[in-house]
C-alpha cells in the first residue's frame, strides 16, 4: 500500500447555472514533502467550512484503482490524480476493506478513518454533469475521510502502514450501503451507531433508524 499522489487546491470562483460558486474541488498534485496538520494539508484550503473540512474531514483519500472505472464511464473527461477533489490518491486501500476507526501511518503522520465521502453539488460542477452525484454513490467508489491523529510530513511514494484495525469491523462500504441500500440491517445499524470514530452526525442518523424493541 502506498501514497500515489498528494493533491491540493485553493478556493476558486466558478459559474454554475448562472450563479457564482466558490469551490476548492479542483486539486493538483504537488511534489516533495507536504505538511499535514489537524485541519488540512499544506497548500490546501476548504471553500465552505460549514460542510467541508474540520478535524473529522481533514484529509480526503481516494483509491487510484477507481480511476479506470471512471475513465470508462466518463469518456472525454480529463482524469488526472486529484480529479475527484482528493488530497491523497492511494494504492492498495478500498472502501470494502477499510474499517471506520482504522489507523494508518504515512510518512511521519498518523491518520484515523472517520467516514465515507458524501458528494455535494460541487462534484457535479467539477464534471459538468449533475448526474455524477447519484452515479458516484451508486458505484460505491466514494473514497473516505481521515482525521489527523499525529501531524507530520507526507510525500508521494510513501508506504502506508497499518497501525491498528478497529475491532468492530464496520467498513467504509458498510456505511455507504446503510445510507443508500441496506437500511433495514439492524445489527449493522447498531454497530455503526456505536462507533466512536464515526462523527456524531452519522451515529445519530443511524440511531434514529433503529427499531424500538417490542414492549
Protein backbone atom coordinates (compact mmCIF):
# COMPACT_ATOMS: atom_id res chain seq x y z
CA UNK A 1 0.00 0.00 0.00
CA UNK A 2 1.33 3.43 -0.83
CA UNK A 3 0.54 7.09 -1.35
CA UNK A 4 0.47 7.71 -5.09
CA UNK A 5 -0.15 11.47 -5.13
CA UNK A 6 -0.67 14.40 -2.76
CA UNK A 7 -3.12 16.93 -4.22
CA UNK A 8 -4.06 20.41 -3.03
CA UNK A 9 -6.13 23.33 -4.21
CA UNK A 10 -7.31 26.78 -3.15
CA UNK A 11 -10.85 28.16 -3.47
CA UNK A 12 -11.81 29.49 -6.88
CA UNK A 13 -14.98 31.12 -8.09
CA UNK A 14 -16.82 29.40 -10.95
CA UNK A 15 -20.16 29.96 -12.61
CA UNK A 16 -22.85 27.33 -12.11
CA UNK A 17 -26.31 27.77 -13.58
CA UNK A 18 -25.70 31.48 -13.88
CA UNK A 19 -24.58 31.92 -10.27
CA UNK A 20 -21.07 32.35 -8.82
CA UNK A 21 -19.93 29.43 -6.64
CA UNK A 22 -16.78 29.22 -4.53
CA UNK A 23 -15.20 25.76 -4.62
CA UNK A 24 -11.90 24.02 -3.84
CA UNK A 25 -12.73 20.77 -5.63
CA UNK A 26 -10.04 21.36 -8.25
CA UNK A 27 -6.85 19.79 -6.85
CA UNK A 28 -3.42 19.41 -8.41
CA UNK A 29 -0.55 17.07 -7.47
CA UNK A 30 2.40 18.57 -5.61
CA UNK A 31 5.99 17.36 -5.41
CA UNK A 32 8.11 16.77 -2.35
CA UNK A 33 7.16 16.57 1.30
CA UNK A 34 3.97 18.25 2.42
CA UNK A 35 2.98 19.13 5.98
CA UNK A 36 -0.29 17.69 7.25
CA UNK A 37 -1.97 19.40 10.22
CA UNK A 38 -5.06 18.52 12.22
CA UNK A 39 -7.26 20.57 9.88
CA UNK A 40 -5.79 20.30 6.41
CA UNK A 41 -2.92 19.59 4.06
CA UNK A 42 -0.37 22.36 3.47
CA UNK A 43 -1.37 24.36 0.41
CA UNK A 44 -4.99 23.20 0.55
CA UNK A 45 -7.96 25.19 1.79
CA UNK A 46 -11.68 24.47 2.02
CA UNK A 47 -14.12 26.86 0.38
CA UNK A 48 -17.11 26.21 2.68
CA UNK A 49 -16.26 25.19 6.22
CA UNK A 50 -19.93 24.62 7.07
CA UNK A 51 -19.91 21.35 5.10
CA UNK A 52 -16.24 20.66 4.31
CA UNK A 53 -13.13 20.31 6.40
CA UNK A 54 -12.86 20.16 10.17
CA UNK A 55 -10.98 17.62 12.26
CA UNK A 56 -13.10 14.67 11.09
CA UNK A 57 -12.59 15.55 7.41
CA UNK A 58 -9.08 16.95 7.41
CA UNK A 59 -7.90 14.75 4.53
CA UNK A 60 -9.89 13.18 1.71
CA UNK A 61 -8.49 9.91 0.33
CA UNK A 62 -9.42 8.28 -2.98
CA UNK A 63 -8.11 4.95 -4.32
CA UNK A 64 -6.28 5.08 -7.65
CA UNK A 65 -7.94 1.76 -8.51
CA UNK A 66 -11.22 3.63 -9.16
CA UNK A 67 -9.80 5.75 -11.96
CA UNK A 68 -10.10 3.11 -14.74
CA UNK A 69 -13.80 2.72 -13.89
CA UNK A 70 -14.42 6.44 -14.21
CA UNK A 71 -12.33 6.77 -17.36
CA UNK A 72 -14.66 4.18 -18.89
CA UNK A 73 -17.88 5.79 -17.60
CA UNK A 74 -16.83 9.41 -18.11
CA UNK A 75 -15.31 9.35 -21.59
CA UNK A 76 -13.77 12.62 -22.60
CA UNK A 77 -13.08 13.74 -19.03
CA UNK A 78 -9.52 14.55 -18.10
CA UNK A 79 -8.89 12.42 -15.03
CA UNK A 80 -5.53 13.26 -13.54
CA UNK A 81 -4.75 12.46 -9.91
CA UNK A 82 -6.87 14.70 -7.69
CA UNK A 83 -9.74 14.80 -10.19
CA UNK A 84 -12.29 13.84 -7.53
CA UNK A 85 -11.08 16.50 -5.11
CA UNK A 86 -9.00 14.08 -3.09
CA UNK A 87 -5.93 15.13 -1.13
CA UNK A 88 -4.43 11.64 -1.17
CA UNK A 89 -4.59 9.30 -4.14
CA UNK A 90 -3.60 5.87 -2.84
CA UNK A 91 -2.87 2.34 -3.96
CA UNK A 92 -3.94 -0.77 -2.06
CA UNK A 93 -6.83 0.61 0.02
CA UNK A 94 -10.52 0.12 -0.71
CA UNK A 95 -13.84 1.02 0.88
CA UNK A 96 -14.67 -2.68 1.24
CA UNK A 97 -11.52 -3.48 3.22
CA UNK A 98 -11.00 -0.38 5.37
CA UNK A 99 -12.89 -0.12 8.67
CA UNK A 100 -14.15 3.04 10.30
CA UNK A 101 -11.65 3.61 13.09
CA UNK A 102 -8.66 2.02 11.34
CA UNK A 103 -5.39 3.88 11.82
CA UNK A 104 -2.65 4.31 9.24
CA UNK A 105 0.80 5.87 9.23
CA UNK A 106 2.01 7.68 6.12
CA UNK A 107 5.38 9.40 6.30
CA UNK A 108 5.67 10.85 9.80
CA UNK A 109 1.91 11.47 10.14
CA UNK A 110 -0.79 9.19 11.51
CA UNK A 111 -4.42 9.08 10.40
CA UNK A 112 -7.80 7.74 11.57
CA UNK A 113 -10.53 6.65 9.13
CA UNK A 114 -13.72 8.54 10.02
CA UNK A 115 -16.38 8.39 7.28
CA UNK A 116 -17.13 7.96 3.57
CA UNK A 117 -17.37 10.95 1.29
CA UNK A 118 -20.94 12.02 0.55
CA UNK A 119 -20.73 14.10 -2.64
CA UNK A 120 -22.25 17.57 -2.88
CA UNK A 121 -23.32 19.52 -5.96
CA UNK A 122 -19.77 20.75 -6.46
CA UNK A 123 -18.77 17.34 -7.80
CA UNK A 124 -21.36 17.98 -10.50
CA UNK A 125 -19.73 21.33 -11.18
CA UNK A 126 -16.31 19.66 -11.45
CA UNK A 127 -17.50 17.32 -14.19
CA UNK A 128 -20.22 19.50 -15.67
CA UNK A 129 -22.92 16.91 -15.06
CA UNK A 130 -25.28 16.83 -12.04
CA UNK A 131 -25.98 13.10 -12.52
CA UNK A 132 -22.47 12.29 -11.29
CA UNK A 133 -23.66 12.60 -7.66
CA UNK A 134 -26.07 9.68 -7.94
CA UNK A 135 -23.65 7.65 -10.03
CA UNK A 136 -20.84 8.32 -7.56
CA UNK A 137 -22.83 6.96 -4.61
CA UNK A 138 -24.29 4.02 -6.52
CA UNK A 139 -20.84 2.98 -7.70
CA UNK A 140 -19.64 2.55 -4.11
CA UNK A 141 -16.43 4.31 -5.15
CA UNK A 142 -16.75 7.13 -2.64
CA UNK A 143 -13.32 7.29 -1.04
CA UNK A 144 -13.19 8.29 2.61
CA UNK A 145 -12.07 10.95 5.06
CA UNK A 146 -9.23 10.85 7.53
CA UNK A 147 -8.68 12.64 10.81
CA UNK A 148 -5.08 13.52 11.60
CA UNK A 149 -4.04 11.75 14.80
CA UNK A 150 -0.45 12.92 14.60
CA UNK A 151 0.71 15.80 12.44
CA UNK A 152 3.68 15.24 10.17
CA UNK A 153 5.13 15.20 6.66
CA UNK A 154 3.97 13.04 3.76
CA UNK A 155 5.11 12.68 0.16
CA UNK A 156 4.04 10.81 -2.94
CA UNK A 157 5.58 7.35 -2.90
CA UNK A 158 5.40 6.95 0.89
CA UNK A 159 4.30 3.48 2.02
CA UNK A 160 1.06 3.22 4.00
CA UNK A 161 1.43 1.26 7.24
CA UNK A 162 -1.48 -0.16 9.21
CA UNK A 163 -1.14 0.98 12.82
CA UNK A 164 -4.37 -0.57 14.12
CA UNK A 165 -7.53 -2.18 12.78
CA UNK A 166 -10.81 -1.35 14.51
CA UNK A 167 -12.32 -4.45 16.11
CA UNK A 168 -15.94 -3.55 15.32
CA UNK A 169 -15.18 -4.23 11.64
CA UNK A 170 -17.68 -1.83 10.09
CA UNK A 171 -16.20 -0.93 6.73
CA UNK A 172 -16.49 2.32 4.81
CA UNK A 173 -18.56 0.37 2.27
CA UNK A 174 -20.91 -0.78 5.06
CA UNK A 175 -21.64 2.84 5.97
CA UNK A 176 -22.34 3.74 2.34
CA UNK A 177 -24.64 0.71 1.98
CA UNK A 178 -26.53 1.60 5.15
CA UNK A 179 -27.10 5.05 3.70
CA UNK A 180 -28.03 4.01 0.16
CA UNK A 181 -29.47 0.49 0.21
CA UNK A 182 -29.13 -1.68 3.31
CA UNK A 183 -31.39 0.42 5.54
CA UNK A 184 -33.05 -2.48 7.38
CA UNK A 185 -29.89 -4.18 8.66
CA UNK A 186 -30.48 -3.54 12.35
CA UNK A 187 -27.43 -5.41 13.56
CA UNK A 188 -25.15 -3.34 11.34
CA UNK A 189 -27.02 -0.13 12.17
CA UNK A 190 -26.42 -0.79 15.86
CA UNK A 191 -22.71 -1.44 15.37
CA UNK A 192 -22.38 1.68 13.25
CA UNK A 193 -24.23 3.78 15.84
CA UNK A 194 -21.71 2.67 18.48
CA UNK A 195 -18.58 3.61 16.50
CA UNK A 196 -16.74 6.33 18.40
CA UNK A 197 -14.60 7.14 15.34
CA UNK A 198 -17.71 7.86 13.26
CA UNK A 199 -18.78 11.52 13.60
CA UNK A 200 -21.77 12.17 15.87
CA UNK A 201 -23.99 13.29 13.00
CA UNK A 202 -23.67 9.88 11.35
CA UNK A 203 -24.21 7.98 14.62
CA UNK A 204 -27.30 10.00 15.43
CA UNK A 205 -28.66 9.32 11.94
CA UNK A 206 -28.22 5.58 12.44
CA UNK A 207 -29.69 5.65 15.97
CA UNK A 208 -32.88 7.19 14.61
CA UNK A 209 -33.25 4.28 12.20
CA UNK A 210 -33.03 1.60 14.88
CA UNK A 211 -36.30 -0.14 15.63
CA UNK A 212 -37.72 0.15 19.11
CA UNK A 213 -37.81 -3.22 20.92
CA UNK A 214 -41.24 -4.72 21.48
CA UNK A 215 -42.79 -3.79 24.79
